[in-house]
Amino acid sequence: MSSIYLLLSLLVCHYLADYCLTFPSLIRAKADGRRLLPILQHACVHGSLMGVCLFISGVEMGDALWLVGFEVATHFVIDVSKTLASLHFPILADRGRKPYWMAYGLDQLLHQVVVVMMWMWAG
């Protein structure tokens, strides 16, 4: 698989996992911040999808496994951090206020930086 196609595939995987394969349990977990298992499951969905892309692209198994672990760990930490920040600063949870969208954008930016790092490592 061409390098640019791998990057695009990883970005599509992120979109699918974050928006199309989001379960109600994850939404509830992010709202209350006490249940970490649904957030970990969500991170594992990300890692699984990206692992398939890495495998199809011919990335060596050791590198692919490392990258899947990196994706799962960073996605979990970023999502839990955003959830905890929203609990401590309620303005970050109010979709009608600019700080919510700034936090949301930062969350997505961090996830995209991770995707680009994975792509660079795999490339």
C-alpha atoms as a PDB file:
ATOM      1  CA  MET A   1       0.000   0.000   0.000  1.00  0.00           C
ATOM      2  CA  SER A   2       1.336   3.400  -0.904  1.00  0.00           C
ATOM      3  CA  SER A   3       2.394   5.567   1.998  1.00  0.00           C
ATOM      4  CA  ILE A   4      -0.240   8.257   1.383  1.00  0.00           C
ATOM      5  CA  TYR A   5      -2.924   5.581   1.189  1.00  0.00           C
ATOM      6  CA  LEU A   6      -1.818   4.251   4.567  1.00  0.00           C
ATOM      7  CA  LEU A   7      -2.126   7.730   6.068  1.00  0.00           C
ATOM      8  CA  LEU A   8      -5.576   8.209   4.554  1.00  0.00           C
ATOM      9  CA  SER A   9      -6.623   4.737   5.719  1.00  0.00           C
ATOM     10  CA  LEU A  10      -5.511   5.469   9.283  1.00  0.00           C
ATOM     11  CA  LEU A  11      -7.427   8.762   9.228  1.00  0.00           C
ATOM     12  CA  VAL A  12     -10.552   6.981   7.957  1.00  0.00           C
ATOM     13  CA  CYS A  13     -10.136   4.365  10.703  1.00  0.00           C
ATOM     14  CA  HIS A  14     -10.045   7.152  13.273  1.00  0.00           C
ATOM     15  CA  TYR A  15     -13.236   8.636  11.849  1.00  0.00           C
ATOM     16  CA  LEU A  16     -15.022   5.283  11.785  1.00  0.00           C
ATOM     17  CA  ALA A  17     -14.000   4.372  15.322  1.00  0.00           C
ATOM     18  CA  ASP A  18     -14.761   7.810  16.800  1.00  0.00           C
ATOM     19  CA  TYR A  19     -18.054   8.521  15.077  1.00  0.00           C
ATOM     20  CA  CYS A  20     -19.558   5.413  13.469  1.00  0.00           C
ATOM     21  CA  LEU A  21     -18.601   2.744  16.011  1.00  0.00           C
ATOM     22  CA  THR A  22     -19.274   4.703  19.195  1.00  0.00           C
ATOM     23  CA  PHE A  23     -21.445   2.790  21.653  1.00  0.00           C
ATOM     24  CA  PRO A  24     -23.946   4.313  24.125  1.00  0.00           C
ATOM     25  CA  SER A  25     -21.861   2.932  27.013  1.00  0.00           C
ATOM     26  CA  LEU A  26     -18.934   5.076  25.851  1.00  0.00           C
ATOM     27  CA  ILE A  27     -21.080   8.188  25.713  1.00  0.00           C
ATOM     28  CA  ARG A  28     -22.302   7.533  29.282  1.00  0.00           C
ATOM     29  CA  ALA A  29     -18.764   6.792  30.497  1.00  0.00           C
ATOM     30  CA  LYS A  30     -17.448  10.057  29.066  1.00  0.00           C
ATOM     31  CA  ALA A  31     -20.329  11.925  30.698  1.00  0.00           C
ATOM     32  CA  ASP A  32     -19.729  10.624  34.218  1.00  0.00           C
ATOM     33  CA  GLY A  33     -15.973   9.985  34.088  1.00  0.00           C
ATOM     34  CA  ARG A  34     -16.095   7.097  36.534  1.00  0.00           C
ATOM     35  CA  ARG A  35     -16.238   4.120  34.198  1.00  0.00           C
ATOM     36  CA  LEU A  36     -12.993   3.565  32.361  1.00  0.00           C
ATOM     37  CA  LEU A  37     -13.727   0.177  30.763  1.00  0.00           C
ATOM     38  CA  PRO A  38     -15.962   1.599  27.976  1.00  0.00           C
ATOM     39  CA  ILE A  39     -13.265   4.163  27.164  1.00  0.00           C
ATOM     40  CA  LEU A  40     -10.658   1.380  27.039  1.00  0.00           C
ATOM     41  CA  GLN A  41     -12.947  -0.676  24.787  1.00  0.00           C
ATOM     42  CA  HIS A  42     -13.302   2.362  22.514  1.00  0.00           C
ATOM     43  CA  ALA A  43      -9.506   2.728  22.366  1.00  0.00           C
ATOM     44  CA  CYS A  44      -9.251  -0.978  21.487  1.00  0.00           C
ATOM     45  CA  VAL A  45     -11.683  -0.482  18.590  1.00  0.00           C
ATOM     46  CA  HIS A  46      -9.340   2.234  17.315  1.00  0.00           C
ATOM     47  CA  GLY A  47      -6.331  -0.031  17.696  1.00  0.00           C
ATOM     48  CA  SER A  48      -8.070  -2.949  15.990  1.00  0.00           C
ATOM     49  CA  LEU A  49      -9.122  -0.962  12.937  1.00  0.00           C
ATOM     50  CA  MET A  50      -5.721   0.623  12.583  1.00  0.00           C
ATOM     51  CA  GLY A  51      -4.069  -2.757  13.074  1.00  0.00           C
ATOM     52  CA  VAL A  52      -5.985  -4.089  10.079  1.00  0.00           C
ATOM     53  CA  CYS A  53      -4.758  -1.160   7.962  1.00  0.00           C
ATOM     54  CA  LEU A  54      -1.189  -1.670   9.114  1.00  0.00           C
ATOM     55  CA  PHE A  55      -1.381  -5.406   8.374  1.00  0.00           C
ATOM     56  CA  ILE A  56      -2.859  -4.844   4.910  1.00  0.00           C
ATOM     57  CA  SER A  57      -0.196  -2.251   4.153  1.00  0.00           C
ATOM     58  CA  GLY A  58       2.554  -4.758   4.878  1.00  0.00           C
ATOM     59  CA  VAL A  59       3.980  -3.180   8.024  1.00  0.00           C
ATOM     60  CA  GLU A  60       6.185  -5.698   9.851  1.00  0.00           C
ATOM     61  CA  MET A  61       4.282  -7.550  12.592  1.00  0.00           C
ATOM     62  CA  GLY A  62       6.472  -6.261  15.421  1.00  0.00           C
ATOM     63  CA  ASP A  63       6.078  -2.667  14.297  1.00  0.00           C
ATOM     64  CA  ALA A  64       2.353  -3.120  13.714  1.00  0.00           C
ATOM     65  CA  LEU A  65       1.810  -4.538  17.211  1.00  0.00           C
ATOM     66  CA  TRP A  66       3.824  -1.726  18.769  1.00  0.00           C
ATOM     67  CA  LEU A  67       1.810   0.852  16.810  1.00  0.00           C
ATOM     68  CA  VAL A  68      -1.514  -0.737  17.799  1.00  0.00           C
ATOM     69  CA  GLY A  69      -0.448  -0.592  21.448  1.00  0.00           C
ATOM     70  CA  PHE A  70       0.644   3.017  20.990  1.00  0.00           C
ATOM     71  CA  GLU A  71      -2.739   3.899  19.472  1.00  0.00           C
ATOM     72  CA  VAL A  72      -4.718   2.164  22.210  1.00  0.00           C
ATOM     73  CA  ALA A  73      -2.669   3.756  25.004  1.00  0.00           C
ATOM     74  CA  THR A  74      -2.636   7.287  23.600  1.00  0.00           C
ATOM     75  CA  HIS A  75      -6.295   7.215  22.594  1.00  0.00           C
ATOM     76  CA  PHE A  76      -7.263   6.073  26.089  1.00  0.00           C
ATOM     77  CA  VAL A  77      -5.123   8.732  27.804  1.00  0.00           C
ATOM     78  CA  ILE A  78      -6.377  11.548  25.554  1.00  0.00           C
ATOM     79  CA  ASP A  79     -10.042  10.581  26.001  1.00  0.00           C
ATOM     80  CA  VAL A  80      -9.781  10.106  29.776  1.00  0.00           C
ATOM     81  CA  SER A  81      -7.909  13.410  30.096  1.00  0.00           C
ATOM     82  CA  LYS A  82     -10.603  15.266  28.171  1.00  0.00           C
ATOM     83  CA  THR A  83     -13.316  13.609  30.249  1.00  0.00           C
ATOM     84  CA  LEU A  84     -11.630  14.503  33.540  1.00  0.00           C
ATOM     85  CA  ALA A  85     -10.995  18.074  32.380  1.00  0.00           C
ATOM     86  CA  SER A  86     -14.690  18.403  31.486  1.00  0.00           C
ATOM     87  CA  LEU A  87     -15.687  17.160  34.947  1.00  0.00           C
ATOM     88  CA  HIS A  88     -13.365  19.606  36.719  1.00  0.00           C
ATOM     89  CA  PHE A  89     -14.229  22.507  34.414  1.00  0.00           C
ATOM     90  CA  PRO A  90     -17.947  22.255  33.522  1.00  0.00           C
ATOM     91  CA  ILE A  91     -17.607  24.984  30.882  1.00  0.00           C
ATOM     92  CA  LEU A  92     -15.709  22.396  28.811  1.00  0.00           C
ATOM     93  CA  ALA A  93     -18.812  20.167  28.811  1.00  0.00           C
ATOM     94  CA  ASP A  94     -21.237  22.871  27.618  1.00  0.00           C
ATOM     95  CA  ARG A  95     -21.635  22.429  23.850  1.00  0.00           C
ATOM     96  CA  GLY A  96     -23.124  25.894  23.612  1.00  0.00           C
ATOM     97  CA  ARG A  97     -19.896  27.554  24.755  1.00  0.00           C
ATOM     98  CA  LYS A  98     -16.672  28.170  22.853  1.00  0.00           C
ATOM     99  CA  PRO A  99     -14.402  26.380  25.410  1.00  0.00           C
ATOM    100  CA  TYR A 100     -16.219  23.105  24.657  1.00  0.00           C
ATOM    101  CA  TRP A 101     -15.322  23.389  20.977  1.00  0.00           C
ATOM    102  CA  MET A 102     -11.755  24.414  21.776  1.00  0.00           C
ATOM    103  CA  ALA A 103     -11.341  21.303  23.967  1.00  0.00           C
ATOM    104  CA  TYR A 104     -13.006  19.150  21.318  1.00  0.00           C
ATOM    105  CA  GLY A 105     -10.664  20.528  18.666  1.00  0.00           C
ATOM    106  CA  LEU A 106      -7.614  19.942  20.859  1.00  0.00           C
ATOM    107  CA  ASP A 107      -8.772  16.371  21.485  1.00  0.00           C
ATOM    108  CA  GLN A 108      -9.081  15.734  17.751  1.00  0.00           C
ATOM    109  CA  LEU A 109      -5.768  17.463  17.007  1.00  0.00           C
ATOM    110  CA  LEU A 110      -3.962  15.226  19.501  1.00  0.00           C
ATOM    111  CA  HIS A 111      -5.543  12.124  17.971  1.00  0.00           C
ATOM    112  CA  GLN A 112      -4.494  13.255  14.482  1.00  0.00           C
ATOM    113  CA  VAL A 113      -0.924  13.902  15.661  1.00  0.00           C
ATOM    114  CA  VAL A 114      -0.842  10.310  16.941  1.00  0.00           C
ATOM    115  CA  VAL A 115      -2.099   9.045  13.566  1.00  0.00           C
ATOM    116  CA  VAL A 116       0.604  10.993  11.743  1.00  0.00           C
ATOM    117  CA  MET A 117       3.250   9.672  14.145  1.00  0.00           C
ATOM    118  CA  MET A 118       2.049   6.117  13.480  1.00  0.00           C
ATOM    119  CA  TRP A 119       2.169   6.720   9.750  1.00  0.00           C
ATOM    120  CA  MET A 120       5.699   8.142   9.957  1.00  0.00           C
ATOM    121  CA  TRP A 121       6.877   5.156  12.034  1.00  0.00           C
ATOM    122  CA  ALA A 122       5.246   2.666   9.641  1.00  0.00           C
ATOM    123  CA  GLY A 123       6.457   4.463   6.520  1.00  0.00           C
END
